[in-house]
Amino acid sequence: MNTVLLAGAIFAALETRAIAAIAAGVAISCGALGCSFAMGKAASHAIDAGARQPEVLGKIQTMLLAAIVFIESLCIYSLVVALLLIFMFR
């Protein structure tokens, strides 16, 4: 029970800007971490598929590029959310 009261007191003492800055840091770090794992997995599977069937390597590269573009857009969305958190609570 004391830890709940302590956590409530800590968050009450923080300003809104500080909470927004922490939330922005969490948002961009989670977005970047998830996107980096997704890009690594997509590239790994594309390399494996290219090694198994080298004759379709051109199609695999095209699909990999499209997948990386969509994955990168998710990272950009997390950056936009982080920037909105920072600049809306100024």
PDB file of N, CA and C in Angstrom:
ATOM      1  N   MET A   1       0.820  -1.187   0.000  1.00  0.00           N
ATOM      2  CA  MET A   1       0.000   0.000   0.000  1.00  0.00           C
ATOM      3  C   MET A   1       0.865   1.252   0.000  1.00  0.00           C
ATOM      4  N   ASN A   2       1.967   1.209   0.717  1.00  0.00           N
ATOM      5  CA  ASN A   2       2.840   2.371   0.780  1.00  0.00           C
ATOM      6  C   ASN A   2       3.479   2.678  -0.564  1.00  0.00           C
ATOM      7  N   THR A   3       3.767   1.630  -1.355  1.00  0.00           N
ATOM      8  CA  THR A   3       4.386   1.872  -2.666  1.00  0.00           C
ATOM      9  C   THR A   3       3.415   2.555  -3.605  1.00  0.00           C
ATOM     10  N   VAL A   4       2.130   2.244  -3.480  1.00  0.00           N
ATOM     11  CA  VAL A   4       1.126   2.904  -4.316  1.00  0.00           C
ATOM     12  C   VAL A   4       1.046   4.381  -3.956  1.00  0.00           C
ATOM     13  N   LEU A   5       1.058   4.679  -2.681  1.00  0.00           N
ATOM     14  CA  LEU A   5       1.012   6.078  -2.259  1.00  0.00           C
ATOM     15  C   LEU A   5       2.275   6.823  -2.673  1.00  0.00           C
ATOM     16  N   LEU A   6       3.408   6.131  -2.584  1.00  0.00           N
ATOM     17  CA  LEU A   6       4.670   6.743  -2.986  1.00  0.00           C
ATOM     18  C   LEU A   6       4.688   7.028  -4.486  1.00  0.00           C
ATOM     19  N   ALA A   7       4.213   6.070  -5.275  1.00  0.00           N
ATOM     20  CA  ALA A   7       4.162   6.277  -6.721  1.00  0.00           C
ATOM     21  C   ALA A   7       3.204   7.413  -7.064  1.00  0.00           C
ATOM     22  N   GLY A   8       2.083   7.489  -6.364  1.00  0.00           N
ATOM     23  CA  GLY A   8       1.138   8.582  -6.592  1.00  0.00           C
ATOM     24  C   GLY A   8       1.736   9.926  -6.233  1.00  0.00           C
ATOM     25  N   ALA A   9       2.507   9.958  -5.163  1.00  0.00           N
ATOM     26  CA  ALA A   9       3.147  11.211  -4.756  1.00  0.00           C
ATOM     27  C   ALA A   9       4.220  11.636  -5.753  1.00  0.00           C
ATOM     28  N   ILE A  10       4.935  10.668  -6.286  1.00  0.00           N
ATOM     29  CA  ILE A  10       5.973  10.991  -7.273  1.00  0.00           C
ATOM     30  C   ILE A  10       5.339  11.563  -8.534  1.00  0.00           C
ATOM     31  N   PHE A  11       4.279  10.921  -9.024  1.00  0.00           N
ATOM     32  CA  PHE A  11       3.639  11.425 -10.234  1.00  0.00           C
ATOM     33  C   PHE A  11       2.922  12.746  -9.991  1.00  0.00           C
ATOM     34  N   ALA A  12       2.452  12.967  -8.775  1.00  0.00           N
ATOM     35  CA  ALA A  12       1.830  14.248  -8.468  1.00  0.00           C
ATOM     36  C   ALA A  12       2.861  15.360  -8.428  1.00  0.00           C
ATOM     37  N   ALA A  13       4.083  15.018  -8.020  1.00  0.00           N
ATOM     38  CA  ALA A  13       5.131  16.023  -7.936  1.00  0.00           C
ATOM     39  C   ALA A  13       5.701  16.376  -9.306  1.00  0.00           C
ATOM     40  N   LEU A  14       5.610  15.440 -10.248  1.00  0.00           N
ATOM     41  CA  LEU A  14       6.128  15.719 -11.585  1.00  0.00           C
ATOM     42  C   LEU A  14       5.221  16.696 -12.313  1.00  0.00           C
ATOM     43  N   GLU A  15       5.824  17.518 -13.095  1.00  0.00           N
ATOM     44  CA  GLU A  15       5.037  18.429 -13.910  1.00  0.00           C
ATOM     45  C   GLU A  15       4.523  17.689 -15.139  1.00  0.00           C
ATOM     46  N   THR A  16       3.568  18.293 -15.807  1.00  0.00           N
ATOM     47  CA  THR A  16       3.002  17.691 -17.004  1.00  0.00           C
ATOM     48  C   THR A  16       4.054  17.567 -18.093  1.00  0.00           C
ATOM     49  N   ARG A  17       4.944  18.544 -18.184  1.00  0.00           N
ATOM     50  CA  ARG A  17       5.997  18.486 -19.205  1.00  0.00           C
ATOM     51  C   ARG A  17       6.939  17.329 -18.957  1.00  0.00           C
ATOM     52  N   ALA A  18       7.233  17.057 -17.705  1.00  0.00           N
ATOM     53  CA  ALA A  18       8.134  15.956 -17.382  1.00  0.00           C
ATOM     54  C   ALA A  18       7.505  14.619 -17.732  1.00  0.00           C
ATOM     55  N   ILE A  19       6.235  14.464 -17.425  1.00  0.00           N
ATOM     56  CA  ILE A  19       5.540  13.224 -17.766  1.00  0.00           C
ATOM     57  C   ILE A  19       5.462  13.058 -19.275  1.00  0.00           C
ATOM     58  N   ALA A  20       5.211  14.161 -19.999  1.00  0.00           N
ATOM     59  CA  ALA A  20       5.169  14.102 -21.464  1.00  0.00           C
ATOM     60  C   ALA A  20       6.527  13.746 -22.031  1.00  0.00           C
ATOM     61  N   ALA A  21       7.606  14.251 -21.437  1.00  0.00           N
ATOM     62  CA  ALA A  21       8.950  13.923 -21.912  1.00  0.00           C
ATOM     63  C   ALA A  21       9.270  12.455 -21.671  1.00  0.00           C
ATOM     64  N   ILE A  22       8.868  11.922 -20.533  1.00  0.00           N
ATOM     65  CA  ILE A  22       9.085  10.502 -20.254  1.00  0.00           C
ATOM     66  C   ILE A  22       8.273   9.650 -21.219  1.00  0.00           C
ATOM     67  N   ALA A  23       7.026  10.034 -21.451  1.00  0.00           N
ATOM     68  CA  ALA A  23       6.173   9.295 -22.378  1.00  0.00           C
ATOM     69  C   ALA A  23       6.720   9.353 -23.797  1.00  0.00           C
ATOM     70  N   ALA A  24       7.281  10.493 -24.187  1.00  0.00           N
ATOM     71  CA  ALA A  24       7.875  10.615 -25.520  1.00  0.00           C
ATOM     72  C   ALA A  24       9.090   9.700 -25.649  1.00  0.00           C
ATOM     73  N   GLY A  25       9.899   9.640 -24.611  1.00  0.00           N
ATOM     74  CA  GLY A  25      11.057   8.747 -24.635  1.00  0.00           C
ATOM     75  C   GLY A  25      10.653   7.289 -24.736  1.00  0.00           C
ATOM     76  N   VAL A  26       9.624   6.914 -24.000  1.00  0.00           N
ATOM     77  CA  VAL A  26       9.133   5.530 -24.063  1.00  0.00           C
ATOM     78  C   VAL A  26       8.549   5.237 -25.441  1.00  0.00           C
ATOM     79  N   ALA A  27       7.807   6.195 -26.000  1.00  0.00           N
ATOM     80  CA  ALA A  27       7.179   5.985 -27.305  1.00  0.00           C
ATOM     81  C   ALA A  27       8.213   5.788 -28.404  1.00  0.00           C
ATOM     82  N   ILE A  28       9.222   6.637 -28.442  1.00  0.00           N
ATOM     83  CA  ILE A  28      10.200   6.529 -29.523  1.00  0.00           C
ATOM     84  C   ILE A  28      11.092   5.321 -29.323  1.00  0.00           C
ATOM     85  N   SER A  29      11.399   4.981 -28.069  1.00  0.00           N
ATOM     86  CA  SER A  29      12.271   3.820 -27.859  1.00  0.00           C
ATOM     87  C   SER A  29      11.544   2.519 -28.184  1.00  0.00           C
ATOM     88  N   CYS A  30      10.284   2.399 -27.807  1.00  0.00           N
ATOM     89  CA  CYS A  30       9.524   1.191 -28.148  1.00  0.00           C
ATOM     90  C   CYS A  30       9.312   1.091 -29.652  1.00  0.00           C
ATOM     91  N   GLY A  31       9.012   2.222 -30.281  1.00  0.00           N
ATOM     92  CA  GLY A  31       8.823   2.205 -31.735  1.00  0.00           C
ATOM     93  C   GLY A  31      10.087   1.831 -32.483  1.00  0.00           C
ATOM     94  N   ALA A  32      11.206   2.395 -32.062  1.00  0.00           N
ATOM     95  CA  ALA A  32      12.472   2.096 -32.733  1.00  0.00           C
ATOM     96  C   ALA A  32      12.909   0.661 -32.479  1.00  0.00           C
ATOM     97  N   LEU A  33      12.703   0.180 -31.264  1.00  0.00           N
ATOM     98  CA  LEU A  33      13.093  -1.190 -30.929  1.00  0.00           C
ATOM     99  C   LEU A  33      12.267  -2.199 -31.721  1.00  0.00           C
ATOM    100  N   GLY A  34      10.962  -1.985 -31.759  1.00  0.00           N
ATOM    101  CA  GLY A  34      10.100  -2.893 -32.507  1.00  0.00           C
ATOM    102  C   GLY A  34      10.394  -2.877 -33.997  1.00  0.00           C
ATOM    103  N   CYS A  35      10.634  -1.688 -34.542  1.00  0.00           N
ATOM    104  CA  CYS A  35      10.923  -1.580 -35.970  1.00  0.00           C
ATOM    105  C   CYS A  35      12.266  -2.209 -36.316  1.00  0.00           C
ATOM    106  N   SER A  36      13.242  -2.064 -35.441  1.00  0.00           N
ATOM    107  CA  SER A  36      14.549  -2.650 -35.747  1.00  0.00           C
ATOM    108  C   SER A  36      14.477  -4.176 -35.730  1.00  0.00           C
ATOM    109  N   PHE A  37      13.731  -4.743 -34.778  1.00  0.00           N
ATOM    110  CA  PHE A  37      13.562  -6.194 -34.775  1.00  0.00           C
ATOM    111  C   PHE A  37      12.804  -6.668 -36.012  1.00  0.00           C
ATOM    112  N   ALA A  38      11.768  -5.925 -36.407  1.00  0.00           N
ATOM    113  CA  ALA A  38      10.977  -6.309 -37.578  1.00  0.00           C
ATOM    114  C   ALA A  38      11.804  -6.225 -38.853  1.00  0.00           C
ATOM    115  N   MET A  39      12.630  -5.184 -38.982  1.00  0.00           N
ATOM    116  CA  MET A  39      13.478  -5.065 -40.171  1.00  0.00           C
ATOM    117  C   MET A  39      14.515  -6.183 -40.217  1.00  0.00           C
ATOM    118  N   GLY A  40      15.086  -6.512 -39.086  1.00  0.00           N
ATOM    119  CA  GLY A  40      16.058  -7.597 -39.034  1.00  0.00           C
ATOM    120  C   GLY A  40      15.440  -8.930 -39.393  1.00  0.00           C
ATOM    121  N   LYS A  41      14.239  -9.181 -38.898  1.00  0.00           N
ATOM    122  CA  LYS A  41      13.565 -10.433 -39.217  1.00  0.00           C
ATOM    123  C   LYS A  41      13.183 -10.494 -40.695  1.00  0.00           C
ATOM    124  N   ALA A  42      12.697  -9.384 -41.243  1.00  0.00           N
ATOM    125  CA  ALA A  42      12.334  -9.353 -42.663  1.00  0.00           C
ATOM    126  C   ALA A  42      13.558  -9.574 -43.545  1.00  0.00           C
ATOM    127  N   ALA A  43      14.665  -8.922 -43.209  1.00  0.00           N
ATOM    128  CA  ALA A  43      15.890  -9.090 -43.987  1.00  0.00           C
ATOM    129  C   ALA A  43      16.423 -10.508 -43.869  1.00  0.00           C
ATOM    130  N   SER A  44      16.347 -11.071 -42.678  1.00  0.00           N
ATOM    131  CA  SER A  44      16.821 -12.439 -42.471  1.00  0.00           C
ATOM    132  C   SER A  44      16.030 -13.439 -43.306  1.00  0.00           C
ATOM    133  N   HIS A  45      14.729 -13.291 -43.293  1.00  0.00           N
ATOM    134  CA  HIS A  45      13.904 -14.204 -44.079  1.00  0.00           C
ATOM    135  C   HIS A  45      14.083 -13.982 -45.578  1.00  0.00           C
ATOM    136  N   ALA A  46      14.308 -12.754 -45.989  1.00  0.00           N
ATOM    137  CA  ALA A  46      14.546 -12.489 -47.411  1.00  0.00           C
ATOM    138  C   ALA A  46      15.861 -13.109 -47.874  1.00  0.00           C
ATOM    139  N   ILE A  47      16.877 -13.024 -47.034  1.00  0.00           N
ATOM    140  CA  ILE A  47      18.165 -13.637 -47.389  1.00  0.00           C
ATOM    141  C   ILE A  47      18.031 -15.153 -47.448  1.00  0.00           C
ATOM    142  N   ASP A  48      17.290 -15.726 -46.489  1.00  0.00           N
ATOM    143  CA  ASP A  48      17.060 -17.171 -46.514  1.00  0.00           C
ATOM    144  C   ASP A  48      16.307 -17.598 -47.773  1.00  0.00           C
ATOM    145  N   ALA A  49      15.280 -16.831 -48.127  1.00  0.00           N
ATOM    146  CA  ALA A  49      14.510 -17.165 -49.330  1.00  0.00           C
ATOM    147  C   ALA A  49      15.353 -17.008 -50.587  1.00  0.00           C
ATOM    148  N   GLY A  50      16.203 -15.992 -50.619  1.00  0.00           N
ATOM    149  CA  GLY A  50      17.089 -15.797 -51.770  1.00  0.00           C
ATOM    150  C   GLY A  50      18.127 -16.897 -51.878  1.00  0.00           C
ATOM    151  N   ALA A  51      18.566 -17.418 -50.753  1.00  0.00           N
ATOM    152  CA  ALA A  51      19.533 -18.514 -50.779  1.00  0.00           C
ATOM    153  C   ALA A  51      18.884 -19.814 -51.255  1.00  0.00           C
ATOM    154  N   ARG A  52      17.612 -20.003 -50.913  1.00  0.00           N
ATOM    155  CA  ARG A  52      16.926 -21.222 -51.346  1.00  0.00           C
ATOM    156  C   ARG A  52      16.522 -21.172 -52.810  1.00  0.00           C
ATOM    157  N   GLN A  53      16.095 -20.000 -53.279  1.00  0.00           N
ATOM    158  CA  GLN A  53      15.654 -19.858 -54.667  1.00  0.00           C
ATOM    159  C   GLN A  53      16.281 -18.611 -55.275  1.00  0.00           C
ATOM    160  N   PRO A  54      17.491 -18.721 -55.767  1.00  0.00           N
ATOM    161  CA  PRO A  54      18.168 -17.530 -56.304  1.00  0.00           C
ATOM    162  C   PRO A  54      17.511 -16.956 -57.560  1.00  0.00           C
ATOM    163  N   GLU A  55      16.700 -17.745 -58.244  1.00  0.00           N
ATOM    164  CA  GLU A  55      16.086 -17.253 -59.485  1.00  0.00           C
ATOM    165  C   GLU A  55      14.997 -16.221 -59.232  1.00  0.00           C
ATOM    166  N   VAL A  56      14.447 -16.142 -58.030  1.00  0.00           N
ATOM    167  CA  VAL A  56      13.409 -15.156 -57.728  1.00  0.00           C
ATOM    168  C   VAL A  56      13.941 -14.050 -56.813  1.00  0.00           C
ATOM    169  N   LEU A  57      15.239 -13.838 -56.838  1.00  0.00           N
ATOM    170  CA  LEU A  57      15.852 -12.857 -55.948  1.00  0.00           C
ATOM    171  C   LEU A  57      15.350 -11.433 -56.224  1.00  0.00           C
ATOM    172  N   GLY A  58      15.093 -11.109 -57.485  1.00  0.00           N
ATOM    173  CA  GLY A  58      14.588  -9.776 -57.827  1.00  0.00           C
ATOM    174  C   GLY A  58      13.232  -9.501 -57.203  1.00  0.00           C
ATOM    175  N   LYS A  59      12.333 -10.485 -57.257  1.00  0.00           N
ATOM    176  CA  LYS A  59      11.007 -10.327 -56.644  1.00  0.00           C
ATOM    177  C   LYS A  59      11.115 -10.242 -55.123  1.00  0.00           C
ATOM    178  N   ILE A  60      12.028 -11.023 -54.564  1.00  0.00           N
ATOM    179  CA  ILE A  60      12.212 -10.998 -53.113  1.00  0.00           C
ATOM    180  C   ILE A  60      12.728  -9.638 -52.665  1.00  0.00           C
ATOM    181  N   GLN A  61      13.660  -9.081 -53.426  1.00  0.00           N
ATOM    182  CA  GLN A  61      14.197  -7.763 -53.066  1.00  0.00           C
ATOM    183  C   GLN A  61      13.124  -6.686 -53.149  1.00  0.00           C
ATOM    184  N   THR A  62      12.260  -6.789 -54.148  1.00  0.00           N
ATOM    185  CA  THR A  62      11.174  -5.817 -54.274  1.00  0.00           C
ATOM    186  C   THR A  62      10.214  -5.916 -53.100  1.00  0.00           C
ATOM    187  N   MET A  63       9.846  -7.145 -52.739  1.00  0.00           N
ATOM    188  CA  MET A  63       8.948  -7.322 -51.601  1.00  0.00           C
ATOM    189  C   MET A  63       9.615  -6.894 -50.294  1.00  0.00           C
ATOM    190  N   LEU A  64      10.919  -7.141 -50.173  1.00  0.00           N
ATOM    191  CA  LEU A  64      11.639  -6.716 -48.966  1.00  0.00           C
ATOM    192  C   LEU A  64      11.655  -5.201 -48.863  1.00  0.00           C
ATOM    193  N   LEU A  65      11.899  -4.531 -49.961  1.00  0.00           N
ATOM    194  CA  LEU A  65      11.913  -3.069 -49.945  1.00  0.00           C
ATOM    195  C   LEU A  65      10.545  -2.508 -49.553  1.00  0.00           C
ATOM    196  N   ALA A  66       9.475  -3.097 -50.091  1.00  0.00           N
ATOM    197  CA  ALA A  66       8.130  -2.646 -49.730  1.00  0.00           C
ATOM    198  C   ALA A  66       7.859  -2.891 -48.244  1.00  0.00           C
ATOM    199  N   ALA A  67       8.285  -4.036 -47.736  1.00  0.00           N
ATOM    200  CA  ALA A  67       8.073  -4.349 -46.319  1.00  0.00           C
ATOM    201  C   ALA A  67       8.854  -3.385 -45.433  1.00  0.00           C
ATOM    202  N   ILE A  68      10.082  -3.078 -45.809  1.00  0.00           N
ATOM    203  CA  ILE A  68      10.896  -2.164 -45.006  1.00  0.00           C
ATOM    204  C   ILE A  68      10.307  -0.755 -45.015  1.00  0.00           C
ATOM    205  N   VAL A  69       9.731  -0.350 -46.134  1.00  0.00           N
ATOM    206  CA  VAL A  69       9.091   0.970 -46.195  1.00  0.00           C
ATOM    207  C   VAL A  69       7.919   1.032 -45.219  1.00  0.00           C
ATOM    208  N   PHE A  70       7.101  -0.020 -45.174  1.00  0.00           N
ATOM    209  CA  PHE A  70       5.969  -0.033 -44.252  1.00  0.00           C
ATOM    210  C   PHE A  70       6.430  -0.109 -42.795  1.00  0.00           C
ATOM    211  N   ILE A  71       7.473  -0.877 -42.540  1.00  0.00           N
ATOM    212  CA  ILE A  71       8.003  -0.959 -41.179  1.00  0.00           C
ATOM    213  C   ILE A  71       8.570   0.392 -40.753  1.00  0.00           C
ATOM    214  N   GLU A  72       9.273   1.049 -41.652  1.00  0.00           N
ATOM    215  CA  GLU A  72       9.855   2.355 -41.332  1.00  0.00           C
ATOM    216  C   GLU A  72       8.772   3.399 -41.093  1.00  0.00           C
ATOM    217  N   SER A  73       7.630   3.267 -41.773  1.00  0.00           N
ATOM    218  CA  SER A  73       6.544   4.215 -41.534  1.00  0.00           C
ATOM    219  C   SER A  73       6.020   4.087 -40.103  1.00  0.00           C
ATOM    220  N   LEU A  74       6.029   2.891 -39.546  1.00  0.00           N
ATOM    221  CA  LEU A  74       5.628   2.734 -38.146  1.00  0.00           C
ATOM    222  C   LEU A  74       6.598   3.445 -37.209  1.00  0.00           C
ATOM    223  N   CYS A  75       7.883   3.402 -37.545  1.00  0.00           N
ATOM    224  CA  CYS A  75       8.879   4.102 -36.735  1.00  0.00           C
ATOM    225  C   CYS A  75       8.680   5.621 -36.838  1.00  0.00           C
ATOM    226  N   ILE A  76       8.344   6.084 -38.007  1.00  0.00           N
ATOM    227  CA  ILE A  76       8.087   7.512 -38.187  1.00  0.00           C
ATOM    228  C   ILE A  76       6.836   7.927 -37.418  1.00  0.00           C
ATOM    229  N   TYR A  77       5.813   7.066 -37.381  1.00  0.00           N
ATOM    230  CA  TYR A  77       4.619   7.371 -36.598  1.00  0.00           C
ATOM    231  C   TYR A  77       4.953   7.499 -35.116  1.00  0.00           C
ATOM    232  N   SER A  78       5.827   6.640 -34.605  1.00  0.00           N
ATOM    233  CA  SER A  78       6.201   6.762 -33.194  1.00  0.00           C
ATOM    234  C   SER A  78       7.005   8.040 -32.953  1.00  0.00           C
ATOM    235  N   LEU A  79       7.792   8.456 -33.935  1.00  0.00           N
ATOM    236  CA  LEU A  79       8.502   9.732 -33.817  1.00  0.00           C
ATOM    237  C   LEU A  79       7.516  10.895 -33.792  1.00  0.00           C
ATOM    238  N   VAL A  80       6.501  10.837 -34.620  1.00  0.00           N
ATOM    239  CA  VAL A  80       5.486  11.896 -34.648  1.00  0.00           C
ATOM    240  C   VAL A  80       4.749  11.955 -33.309  1.00  0.00           C
ATOM    241  N   VAL A  81       4.415  10.810 -32.753  1.00  0.00           N
ATOM    242  CA  VAL A  81       3.746  10.782 -31.448  1.00  0.00           C
ATOM    243  C   VAL A  81       4.650  11.381 -30.378  1.00  0.00           C
ATOM    244  N   ALA A  82       5.936  11.033 -30.408  1.00  0.00           N
ATOM    245  CA  ALA A  82       6.873  11.582 -29.428  1.00  0.00           C
ATOM    246  C   ALA A  82       7.000  13.097 -29.574  1.00  0.00           C
ATOM    247  N   LEU A  83       7.086  13.579 -30.799  1.00  0.00           N
ATOM    248  CA  LEU A  83       7.179  15.022 -31.015  1.00  0.00           C
ATOM    249  C   LEU A  83       5.906  15.746 -30.591  1.00  0.00           C
ATOM    250  N   LEU A  84       4.764  15.130 -30.854  1.00  0.00           N
ATOM    251  CA  LEU A  84       3.503  15.726 -30.406  1.00  0.00           C
ATOM    252  C   LEU A  84       3.452  15.798 -28.881  1.00  0.00           C
ATOM    253  N   LEU A  85       3.912  14.746 -28.221  1.00  0.00           N
ATOM    254  CA  LEU A  85       3.931  14.773 -26.755  1.00  0.00           C
ATOM    255  C   LEU A  85       4.834  15.870 -26.225  1.00  0.00           C
ATOM    256  N   ILE A  86       5.968  16.062 -26.871  1.00  0.00           N
ATOM    257  CA  ILE A  86       6.912  17.068 -26.398  1.00  0.00           C
ATOM    258  C   ILE A  86       6.383  18.482 -26.632  1.00  0.00           C
ATOM    259  N   PHE A  87       5.887  18.730 -27.842  1.00  0.00           N
ATOM    260  CA  PHE A  87       5.529  20.108 -28.187  1.00  0.00           C
ATOM    261  C   PHE A  87       4.111  20.511 -27.785  1.00  0.00           C
ATOM    262  N   MET A  88       3.251  19.563 -27.494  1.00  0.00           N
ATOM    263  CA  MET A  88       1.905  19.926 -27.050  1.00  0.00           C
ATOM    264  C   MET A  88       1.876  20.341 -25.577  1.00  0.00           C
ATOM    265  N   PHE A  89       2.824  19.850 -24.805  1.00  0.00           N
ATOM    266  CA  PHE A  89       2.854  20.162 -23.381  1.00  0.00           C
ATOM    267  C   PHE A  89       4.000  21.086 -23.042  1.00  0.00           C
ATOM    268  N   ARG A  90       4.194  22.096 -23.836  1.00  0.00           N
ATOM    269  CA  ARG A  90       5.271  23.058 -23.599  1.00  0.00           C
ATOM    270  C   ARG A  90       4.856  24.129 -22.670  1.00  0.00           C
TER     271      ARG A  90
END
